[in-house]
Every structure is written in structure tokens, then in C-alpha cells.
């Protein structure tokens, strides 16, 4: 079952997010397995991360890569909220 995850990070800057994103892509060479959607919402110093995953297992597996990266940067994990996805509609882009 697909899940949605969101977490708010009031201390996270855009620069820090970009560093995390770069490190993830360097480690795995692309997007994480099972990630359907990823959005970062907000302005500097107040970012919210919203993701949709194919399964909670995929999300938890990604967390094993993510946690050491954010811990090394002196950041915390936030308080992720995880909920099942009932319906997902995606607009086709041309």
C-alpha cells in the first residue's frame, strides 16, 4: 500500500536541503527506490517535506540512508507523519 509522509523542519535551510539531496544522489546514483513523489514546500528556514512512497518499507529503507546524512550535518529527523494513500491523481505533463 502506498503511503504519504510529511514532516516540517523549521531549522532546515534551502542550502542544507540541497546538500542533503546532493549526498543522497551521490550515494545511490538517482532517486530512491519506491519514491513516487517528492516535494519541498516553504521558504528558507521553514521547509516542509512531502513524499509519496510505494510502501512504508521503501520509506523506512530510505531512512537508513538519510539519517546518517542529516545527523552528520547536525540536523534532526523532525516528526514525520505517515498515512496511507487512498487516491493519487497525477497530471500528465507534455
PDB file of N, CA and C in Angstrom:
ATOM      1  N   UNK A   1       0.834  -1.181   0.000  1.00  0.00           N
ATOM      2  CA  UNK A   1       0.000   0.000   0.000  1.00  0.00           C
ATOM      3  C   UNK A   1       0.877   1.242   0.000  1.00  0.00           C
ATOM      4  N   UNK A   2       0.527   2.207  -0.832  1.00  0.00           N
ATOM      5  CA  UNK A   2       1.263   3.468  -0.877  1.00  0.00           C
ATOM      6  C   UNK A   2       1.028   4.265   0.395  1.00  0.00           C
ATOM      7  N   UNK A   3       2.039   5.030   0.765  1.00  0.00           N
ATOM      8  CA  UNK A   3       1.922   5.897   1.934  1.00  0.00           C
ATOM      9  C   UNK A   3       2.340   7.310   1.559  1.00  0.00           C
ATOM     10  N   UNK A   4       1.816   8.263   2.321  1.00  0.00           N
ATOM     11  CA  UNK A   4       2.270   9.647   2.236  1.00  0.00           C
ATOM     12  C   UNK A   4       3.029   9.949   3.519  1.00  0.00           C
ATOM     13  N   UNK A   5       4.063  10.770   3.386  1.00  0.00           N
ATOM     14  CA  UNK A   5       4.855  11.176   4.538  1.00  0.00           C
ATOM     15  C   UNK A   5       5.069  12.677   4.430  1.00  0.00           C
ATOM     16  N   UNK A   6       4.851  13.367   5.525  1.00  0.00           N
ATOM     17  CA  UNK A   6       5.244  14.770   5.552  1.00  0.00           C
ATOM     18  C   UNK A   6       5.861  15.088   6.896  1.00  0.00           C
ATOM     19  N   UNK A   7       6.792  16.037   6.852  1.00  0.00           N
ATOM     20  CA  UNK A   7       7.432  16.487   8.082  1.00  0.00           C
ATOM     21  C   UNK A   7       7.873  17.928   7.901  1.00  0.00           C
ATOM     22  N   UNK A   8       7.711  18.697   8.959  1.00  0.00           N
ATOM     23  CA  UNK A   8       8.088  20.110   8.943  1.00  0.00           C
ATOM     24  C   UNK A   8       9.427  20.272   9.657  1.00  0.00           C
ATOM     25  N   UNK A   9      10.298  21.080   9.065  1.00  0.00           N
ATOM     26  CA  UNK A   9      11.644  21.300   9.595  1.00  0.00           C
ATOM     27  C   UNK A   9      11.915  22.798   9.681  1.00  0.00           C
ATOM     28  N   UNK A  10      11.549  23.435  10.795  1.00  0.00           N
ATOM     29  CA  UNK A  10      11.695  24.887  10.900  1.00  0.00           C
ATOM     30  C   UNK A  10      13.144  25.360  10.843  1.00  0.00           C
ATOM     31  N   UNK A  11      14.101  24.475  11.162  1.00  0.00           N
ATOM     32  CA  UNK A  11      15.515  24.864  11.182  1.00  0.00           C
ATOM     33  C   UNK A  11      16.206  24.618   9.844  1.00  0.00           C
ATOM     34  N   UNK A  12      15.577  23.897   8.940  1.00  0.00           N
ATOM     35  CA  UNK A  12      16.216  23.482   7.693  1.00  0.00           C
ATOM     36  C   UNK A  12      16.229  24.615   6.675  1.00  0.00           C
ATOM     37  N   UNK A  13      17.423  24.909   6.145  1.00  0.00           N
ATOM     38  CA  UNK A  13      17.560  25.938   5.112  1.00  0.00           C
ATOM     39  C   UNK A  13      17.562  25.288   3.730  1.00  0.00           C
ATOM     40  N   UNK A  14      17.337  26.099   2.729  1.00  0.00           N
ATOM     41  CA  UNK A  14      17.391  25.602   1.349  1.00  0.00           C
ATOM     42  C   UNK A  14      18.785  25.076   1.019  1.00  0.00           C
ATOM     43  N   UNK A  15      19.807  25.754   1.488  1.00  0.00           N
ATOM     44  CA  UNK A  15      21.186  25.313   1.250  1.00  0.00           C
ATOM     45  C   UNK A  15      21.428  23.940   1.881  1.00  0.00           C
ATOM     46  N   UNK A  16      20.965  23.751   3.111  1.00  0.00           N
ATOM     47  CA  UNK A  16      21.128  22.458   3.773  1.00  0.00           C
ATOM     48  C   UNK A  16      20.355  21.366   3.027  1.00  0.00           C
ATOM     49  N   UNK A  17      19.136  21.696   2.600  1.00  0.00           N
ATOM     50  CA  UNK A  17      18.373  20.707   1.847  1.00  0.00           C
ATOM     51  C   UNK A  17      19.116  20.296   0.580  1.00  0.00           C
ATOM     52  N   UNK A  18      19.662  21.270  -0.134  1.00  0.00           N
ATOM     53  CA  UNK A  18      20.398  20.963  -1.365  1.00  0.00           C
ATOM     54  C   UNK A  18      21.611  20.076  -1.078  1.00  0.00           C
ATOM     55  N   UNK A  19      22.281  20.298   0.048  1.00  0.00           N
ATOM     56  CA  UNK A  19      23.422  19.455   0.423  1.00  0.00           C
ATOM     57  C   UNK A  19      22.962  18.019   0.689  1.00  0.00           C
ATOM     58  N   UNK A  20      21.862  17.875   1.403  1.00  0.00           N
ATOM     59  CA  UNK A  20      21.326  16.543   1.693  1.00  0.00           C
ATOM     60  C   UNK A  20      20.962  15.847   0.384  1.00  0.00           C
ATOM     61  N   UNK A  21      20.261  16.547  -0.482  1.00  0.00           N
ATOM     62  CA  UNK A  21      19.828  15.986  -1.764  1.00  0.00           C
ATOM     63  C   UNK A  21      21.022  15.533  -2.604  1.00  0.00           C
ATOM     64  N   UNK A  22      22.054  16.347  -2.640  1.00  0.00           N
ATOM     65  CA  UNK A  22      23.271  16.002  -3.381  1.00  0.00           C
ATOM     66  C   UNK A  22      23.909  14.729  -2.832  1.00  0.00           C
ATOM     67  N   UNK A  23      24.016  14.642  -1.522  1.00  0.00           N
ATOM     68  CA  UNK A  23      24.627  13.465  -0.894  1.00  0.00           C
ATOM     69  C   UNK A  23      23.826  12.194  -1.158  1.00  0.00           C
ATOM     70  N   UNK A  24      22.525  12.314  -1.137  1.00  0.00           N
ATOM     71  CA  UNK A  24      21.673  11.153  -1.425  1.00  0.00           C
ATOM     72  C   UNK A  24      21.898  10.684  -2.853  1.00  0.00           C
ATOM     73  N   UNK A  25      21.875  11.624  -3.794  1.00  0.00           N
ATOM     74  CA  UNK A  25      22.045  11.249  -5.201  1.00  0.00           C
ATOM     75  C   UNK A  25      23.446  10.684  -5.471  1.00  0.00           C
ATOM     76  N   UNK A  26      24.442  11.200  -4.788  1.00  0.00           N
ATOM     77  CA  UNK A  26      25.795  10.646  -4.934  1.00  0.00           C
ATOM     78  C   UNK A  26      25.844   9.218  -4.394  1.00  0.00           C
ATOM     79  N   UNK A  27      25.127   8.964  -3.312  1.00  0.00           N
ATOM     80  CA  UNK A  27      25.172   7.638  -2.682  1.00  0.00           C
ATOM     81  C   UNK A  27      24.435   6.579  -3.490  1.00  0.00           C
ATOM     82  N   UNK A  28      23.332   6.958  -4.131  1.00  0.00           N
ATOM     83  CA  UNK A  28      22.534   5.938  -4.823  1.00  0.00           C
ATOM     84  C   UNK A  28      22.467   6.133  -6.331  1.00  0.00           C
ATOM     85  N   UNK A  29      22.988   7.240  -6.827  1.00  0.00           N
ATOM     86  CA  UNK A  29      23.033   7.447  -8.273  1.00  0.00           C
ATOM     87  C   UNK A  29      21.693   7.736  -8.916  1.00  0.00           C
ATOM     88  N   UNK A  30      20.742   8.265  -8.175  1.00  0.00           N
ATOM     89  CA  UNK A  30      19.430   8.579  -8.736  1.00  0.00           C
ATOM     90  C   UNK A  30      18.419   8.788  -7.639  1.00  0.00           C
ATOM     91  N   UNK A  31      17.181   8.502  -7.975  1.00  0.00           N
ATOM     92  CA  UNK A  31      16.107   8.666  -6.993  1.00  0.00           C
ATOM     93  C   UNK A  31      15.974   7.395  -6.153  1.00  0.00           C
ATOM     94  N   UNK A  32      15.517   7.538  -4.923  1.00  0.00           N
ATOM     95  CA  UNK A  32      15.357   6.377  -4.048  1.00  0.00           C
ATOM     96  C   UNK A  32      14.311   5.391  -4.580  1.00  0.00           C
ATOM     97  N   UNK A  33      14.566   4.120  -4.377  1.00  0.00           N
ATOM     98  CA  UNK A  33      13.636   3.063  -4.781  1.00  0.00           C
ATOM     99  C   UNK A  33      12.302   3.256  -4.060  1.00  0.00           C
ATOM    100  N   UNK A  34      11.236   3.223  -4.841  1.00  0.00           N
ATOM    101  CA  UNK A  34       9.902   3.300  -4.269  1.00  0.00           C
ATOM    102  C   UNK A  34       9.345   4.689  -4.081  1.00  0.00           C
ATOM    103  N   UNK A  35      10.140   5.736  -4.330  1.00  0.00           N
ATOM    104  CA  UNK A  35       9.630   7.098  -4.178  1.00  0.00           C
ATOM    105  C   UNK A  35       8.805   7.454  -5.414  1.00  0.00           C
ATOM    106  N   UNK A  36       7.548   7.807  -5.190  1.00  0.00           N
ATOM    107  CA  UNK A  36       6.646   8.182  -6.266  1.00  0.00           C
ATOM    108  C   UNK A  36       6.641   9.694  -6.456  1.00  0.00           C
ATOM    109  N   UNK A  37       6.654  10.415  -5.352  1.00  0.00           N
ATOM    110  CA  UNK A  37       6.567  11.879  -5.389  1.00  0.00           C
ATOM    111  C   UNK A  37       7.397  12.470  -4.258  1.00  0.00           C
ATOM    112  N   UNK A  38       8.009  13.623  -4.553  1.00  0.00           N
ATOM    113  CA  UNK A  38       8.806  14.331  -3.540  1.00  0.00           C
ATOM    114  C   UNK A  38       8.627  15.824  -3.766  1.00  0.00           C
ATOM    115  N   UNK A  39       8.202  16.527  -2.738  1.00  0.00           N
ATOM    116  CA  UNK A  39       8.064  17.986  -2.797  1.00  0.00           C
ATOM    117  C   UNK A  39       8.702  18.588  -1.554  1.00  0.00           C
ATOM    118  N   UNK A  40       9.308  19.755  -1.739  1.00  0.00           N
ATOM    119  CA  UNK A  40       9.795  20.551  -0.614  1.00  0.00           C
ATOM    120  C   UNK A  40       9.048  21.875  -0.699  1.00  0.00           C
ATOM    121  N   UNK A  41       8.353  22.204   0.371  1.00  0.00           N
ATOM    122  CA  UNK A  41       7.452  23.348   0.375  1.00  0.00           C
ATOM    123  C   UNK A  41       7.923  24.340   1.419  1.00  0.00           C
ATOM    124  N   UNK A  42       7.917  25.627   1.064  1.00  0.00           N
ATOM    125  CA  UNK A  42       8.238  26.668   2.026  1.00  0.00           C
ATOM    126  C   UNK A  42       9.425  27.496   1.592  1.00  0.00           C
ATOM    127  N   UNK A  43       9.776  28.404   2.454  1.00  0.00           N
ATOM    128  CA  UNK A  43      10.897  29.302   2.216  1.00  0.00           C
ATOM    129  C   UNK A  43      12.037  28.902   3.142  1.00  0.00           C
ATOM    130  N   UNK A  44      13.172  29.556   2.952  1.00  0.00           N
ATOM    131  CA  UNK A  44      14.336  29.267   3.780  1.00  0.00           C
ATOM    132  C   UNK A  44      13.955  29.340   5.260  1.00  0.00           C
ATOM    133  N   UNK A  45      14.459  28.422   6.043  1.00  0.00           N
ATOM    134  CA  UNK A  45      14.170  28.310   7.480  1.00  0.00           C
ATOM    135  C   UNK A  45      12.692  28.053   7.721  1.00  0.00           C
ATOM    136  N   UNK A  46      12.203  26.994   7.193  1.00  0.00           N
ATOM    137  CA  UNK A  46      10.830  26.605   7.443  1.00  0.00           C
ATOM    138  C   UNK A  46      10.319  25.702   6.342  1.00  0.00           C
ATOM    139  N   UNK A  47      11.038  24.634   6.076  1.00  0.00           N
ATOM    140  CA  UNK A  47      10.690  23.757   4.963  1.00  0.00           C
ATOM    141  C   UNK A  47       9.841  22.579   5.441  1.00  0.00           C
ATOM    142  N   UNK A  48       8.911  22.187   4.589  1.00  0.00           N
ATOM    143  CA  UNK A  48       8.109  21.000   4.808  1.00  0.00           C
ATOM    144  C   UNK A  48       8.401  20.033   3.675  1.00  0.00           C
ATOM    145  N   UNK A  49       8.666  18.797   4.010  1.00  0.00           N
ATOM    146  CA  UNK A  49       8.921  17.760   3.016  1.00  0.00           C
ATOM    147  C   UNK A  49       7.665  16.909   2.912  1.00  0.00           C
ATOM    148  N   UNK A  50       7.210  16.690   1.673  1.00  0.00           N
ATOM    149  CA  UNK A  50       6.035  15.865   1.412  1.00  0.00           C
ATOM    150  C   UNK A  50       6.427  14.819   0.376  1.00  0.00           C
ATOM    151  N   UNK A  51       6.174  13.552   0.693  1.00  0.00           N
ATOM    152  CA  UNK A  51       6.546  12.467  -0.218  1.00  0.00           C
ATOM    153  C   UNK A  51       5.441  11.425  -0.285  1.00  0.00           C
ATOM    154  N   UNK A  52       5.396  10.725  -1.414  1.00  0.00           N
ATOM    155  CA  UNK A  52       4.553   9.549  -1.555  1.00  0.00           C
ATOM    156  C   UNK A  52       5.471   8.402  -1.935  1.00  0.00           C
ATOM    157  N   UNK A  53       5.291   7.287  -1.238  1.00  0.00           N
ATOM    158  CA  UNK A  53       6.127   6.097  -1.411  1.00  0.00           C
ATOM    159  C   UNK A  53       5.265   4.913  -1.803  1.00  0.00           C
ATOM    160  N   UNK A  54       5.829   3.998  -2.555  1.00  0.00           N
ATOM    161  CA  UNK A  54       5.118   2.775  -2.929  1.00  0.00           C
ATOM    162  C   UNK A  54       4.738   1.954  -1.706  1.00  0.00           C
ATOM    163  N   UNK A  55       5.604   2.003  -0.669  1.00  0.00           N
ATOM    164  CA  UNK A  55       5.319   1.251   0.560  1.00  0.00           C
ATOM    165  C   UNK A  55       6.051   1.894   1.731  1.00  0.00           C
ATOM    166  N   UNK A  56       5.587   1.578   2.918  1.00  0.00           N
ATOM    167  CA  UNK A  56       6.275   2.058   4.117  1.00  0.00           C
ATOM    168  C   UNK A  56       7.658   1.414   4.217  1.00  0.00           C
ATOM    169  N   UNK A  57       7.788   0.191   3.733  1.00  0.00           N
ATOM    170  CA  UNK A  57       9.090  -0.486   3.730  1.00  0.00           C
ATOM    171  C   UNK A  57      10.116   0.299   2.903  1.00  0.00           C
ATOM    172  N   UNK A  58       9.713   0.790   1.729  1.00  0.00           N
ATOM    173  CA  UNK A  58      10.617   1.602   0.908  1.00  0.00           C
ATOM    174  C   UNK A  58      11.014   2.881   1.636  1.00  0.00           C
ATOM    175  N   UNK A  59      10.041   3.517   2.298  1.00  0.00           N
ATOM    176  CA  UNK A  59      10.333   4.739   3.053  1.00  0.00           C
ATOM    177  C   UNK A  59      11.319   4.452   4.186  1.00  0.00           C
ATOM    178  N   UNK A  60      11.093   3.397   4.924  1.00  0.00           N
ATOM    179  CA  UNK A  60      11.978   3.043   6.050  1.00  0.00           C
ATOM    180  C   UNK A  60      13.383   2.686   5.556  1.00  0.00           C
ATOM    181  N   UNK A  61      13.473   2.005   4.434  1.00  0.00           N
ATOM    182  CA  UNK A  61      14.770   1.666   3.854  1.00  0.00           C
ATOM    183  C   UNK A  61      15.535   2.934   3.477  1.00  0.00           C
ATOM    184  N   UNK A  62      14.835   3.897   2.891  1.00  0.00           N
ATOM    185  CA  UNK A  62      15.460   5.180   2.545  1.00  0.00           C
ATOM    186  C   UNK A  62      15.938   5.901   3.803  1.00  0.00           C
ATOM    187  N   UNK A  63      15.178   5.780   4.887  1.00  0.00           N
ATOM    188  CA  UNK A  63      15.565   6.414   6.143  1.00  0.00           C
ATOM    189  C   UNK A  63      16.916   5.944   6.649  1.00  0.00           C
ATOM    190  N   UNK A  64      17.275   4.684   6.350  1.00  0.00           N
ATOM    191  CA  UNK A  64      18.582   4.163   6.764  1.00  0.00           C
ATOM    192  C   UNK A  64      19.726   4.875   6.040  1.00  0.00           C
ATOM    193  N   UNK A  65      19.466   5.390   4.849  1.00  0.00           N
ATOM    194  CA  UNK A  65      20.454   6.193   4.131  1.00  0.00           C
ATOM    195  C   UNK A  65      20.415   7.645   4.598  1.00  0.00           C
ATOM    196  N   UNK A  66      19.219   8.171   4.769  1.00  0.00           N
ATOM    197  CA  UNK A  66      19.034   9.583   5.102  1.00  0.00           C
ATOM    198  C   UNK A  66      19.526   9.951   6.496  1.00  0.00           C
ATOM    199  N   UNK A  67      19.203   9.146   7.494  1.00  0.00           N
ATOM    200  CA  UNK A  67      19.501   9.512   8.883  1.00  0.00           C
ATOM    201  C   UNK A  67      20.973   9.806   9.144  1.00  0.00           C
ATOM    202  N   UNK A  68      21.925   8.976   8.696  1.00  0.00           N
ATOM    203  CA  UNK A  68      23.325   9.319   8.937  1.00  0.00           C
ATOM    204  C   UNK A  68      23.740  10.632   8.256  1.00  0.00           C
ATOM    205  N   UNK A  69      23.145  10.939   7.120  1.00  0.00           N
ATOM    206  CA  UNK A  69      23.479  12.184   6.413  1.00  0.00           C
ATOM    207  C   UNK A  69      23.012  13.386   7.217  1.00  0.00           C
ATOM    208  N   UNK A  70      21.757  13.369   7.667  1.00  0.00           N
ATOM    209  CA  UNK A  70      21.268  14.544   8.394  1.00  0.00           C
ATOM    210  C   UNK A  70      21.889  14.646   9.786  1.00  0.00           C
ATOM    211  N   UNK A  71      22.197  13.512  10.391  1.00  0.00           N
ATOM    212  CA  UNK A  71      22.856  13.533  11.699  1.00  0.00           C
ATOM    213  C   UNK A  71      24.252  14.129  11.583  1.00  0.00           C
ATOM    214  N   UNK A  72      24.987  13.761  10.535  1.00  0.00           N
ATOM    215  CA  UNK A  72      26.338  14.309  10.319  1.00  0.00           C
ATOM    216  C   UNK A  72      26.302  15.813  10.090  1.00  0.00           C
ATOM    217  N   UNK A  73      25.183  16.322   9.600  1.00  0.00           N
ATOM    218  CA  UNK A  73      25.039  17.761   9.367  1.00  0.00           C
ATOM    219  C   UNK A  73      24.525  18.495  10.605  1.00  0.00           C
ATOM    220  N   UNK A  74      24.287  17.746  11.691  1.00  0.00           N
ATOM    221  CA  UNK A  74      23.810  18.359  12.927  1.00  0.00           C
ATOM    222  C   UNK A  74      22.322  18.668  12.919  1.00  0.00           C
ATOM    223  N   UNK A  75      21.574  17.986  12.059  1.00  0.00           N
ATOM    224  CA  UNK A  75      20.133  18.216  11.963  1.00  0.00           C
ATOM    225  C   UNK A  75      19.375  17.043  12.565  1.00  0.00           C
ATOM    226  N   UNK A  76      18.140  17.299  12.939  1.00  0.00           N
ATOM    227  CA  UNK A  76      17.299  16.235  13.475  1.00  0.00           C
ATOM    228  C   UNK A  76      16.332  15.728  12.419  1.00  0.00           C
ATOM    229  N   UNK A  77      15.686  14.592  12.697  1.00  0.00           N
ATOM    230  CA  UNK A  77      14.799  13.977  11.718  1.00  0.00           C
ATOM    231  C   UNK A  77      13.428  14.619  11.608  1.00  0.00           C
ATOM    232  N   UNK A  78      13.095  15.522  12.532  1.00  0.00           N
ATOM    233  CA  UNK A  78      11.744  16.045  12.552  1.00  0.00           C
ATOM    234  C   UNK A  78      10.791  14.986  13.082  1.00  0.00           C
ATOM    235  N   UNK A  79       9.520  15.220  12.916  1.00  0.00           N
ATOM    236  CA  UNK A  79       8.498  14.269  13.363  1.00  0.00           C
ATOM    237  C   UNK A  79       7.661  13.872  12.152  1.00  0.00           C
ATOM    238  N   UNK A  80       8.123  12.876  11.388  1.00  0.00           N
ATOM    239  CA  UNK A  80       7.364  12.513  10.194  1.00  0.00           C
ATOM    240  C   UNK A  80       5.979  11.967  10.537  1.00  0.00           C
ATOM    241  N   UNK A  81       5.017  12.372   9.741  1.00  0.00           N
ATOM    242  CA  UNK A  81       3.660  11.856   9.833  1.00  0.00           C
ATOM    243  C   UNK A  81       3.469  10.948   8.629  1.00  0.00           C
ATOM    244  N   UNK A  82       3.050   9.713   8.880  1.00  0.00           N
ATOM    245  CA  UNK A  82       2.880   8.723   7.816  1.00  0.00           C
ATOM    246  C   UNK A  82       1.423   8.303   7.802  1.00  0.00           C
ATOM    247  N   UNK A  83       0.842   8.301   6.605  1.00  0.00           N
ATOM    248  CA  UNK A  83      -0.554   7.932   6.459  1.00  0.00           C
ATOM    249  C   UNK A  83      -0.767   7.184   5.146  1.00  0.00           C
ATOM    250  N   UNK A  84      -1.717   6.277   5.093  1.00  0.00           N
ATOM    251  CA  UNK A  84      -1.972   5.572   3.837  1.00  0.00           C
ATOM    252  C   UNK A  84      -2.483   6.537   2.764  1.00  0.00           C
ATOM    253  N   UNK A  85      -2.188   6.226   1.518  1.00  0.00           N
ATOM    254  CA  UNK A  85      -2.715   7.000   0.391  1.00  0.00           C
ATOM    255  C   UNK A  85      -3.965   6.291  -0.106  1.00  0.00           C
ATOM    256  N   UNK A  86      -5.064   7.000  -0.086  1.00  0.00           N
ATOM    257  CA  UNK A  86      -6.317   6.427  -0.557  1.00  0.00           C
ATOM    258  C   UNK A  86      -6.451   6.590  -2.075  1.00  0.00           C
ATOM    259  N   UNK A  87      -6.085   7.765  -2.582  1.00  0.00           N
ATOM    260  CA  UNK A  87      -6.203   8.040  -4.015  1.00  0.00           C
ATOM    261  C   UNK A  87      -5.107   9.007  -4.425  1.00  0.00           C
ATOM    262  N   UNK A  88      -4.497   8.739  -5.549  1.00  0.00           N
ATOM    263  CA  UNK A  88      -3.445   9.607  -6.092  1.00  0.00           C
ATOM    264  C   UNK A  88      -3.752   9.877  -7.558  1.00  0.00           C
ATOM    265  N   UNK A  89      -3.861  11.145  -7.919  1.00  0.00           N
ATOM    266  CA  UNK A  89      -4.085  11.551  -9.293  1.00  0.00           C
ATOM    267  C   UNK A  89      -2.892  12.404  -9.701  1.00  0.00           C
ATOM    268  N   UNK A  90      -2.275  12.036 -10.796  1.00  0.00           N
ATOM    269  CA  UNK A  90      -1.146  12.807 -11.286  1.00  0.00           C
ATOM    270  C   UNK A  90      -1.465  13.326 -12.676  1.00  0.00           C
ATOM    271  N   UNK A  91      -1.196  14.594 -12.881  1.00  0.00           N
ATOM    272  CA  UNK A  91      -1.432  15.203 -14.167  1.00  0.00           C
ATOM    273  C   UNK A  91      -0.300  14.848 -15.119  1.00  0.00           C
ATOM    274  N   UNK A  92      -0.641  14.464 -16.326  1.00  0.00           N
ATOM    275  CA  UNK A  92       0.383  14.162 -17.335  1.00  0.00           C
ATOM    276  C   UNK A  92       0.979  15.478 -17.828  1.00  0.00           C
ATOM    277  N   UNK A  93       2.276  15.491 -17.978  1.00  0.00           N
ATOM    278  CA  UNK A  93       2.973  16.682 -18.497  1.00  0.00           C
ATOM    279  C   UNK A  93       3.442  16.395 -19.899  1.00  0.00           C
ATOM    280  N   UNK A  94       3.358  17.399 -20.728  1.00  0.00           N
ATOM    281  CA  UNK A  94       3.820  17.208 -22.104  1.00  0.00           C
ATOM    282  C   UNK A  94       5.185  17.794 -22.331  1.00  0.00           C
TER     283      UNK A  94
END
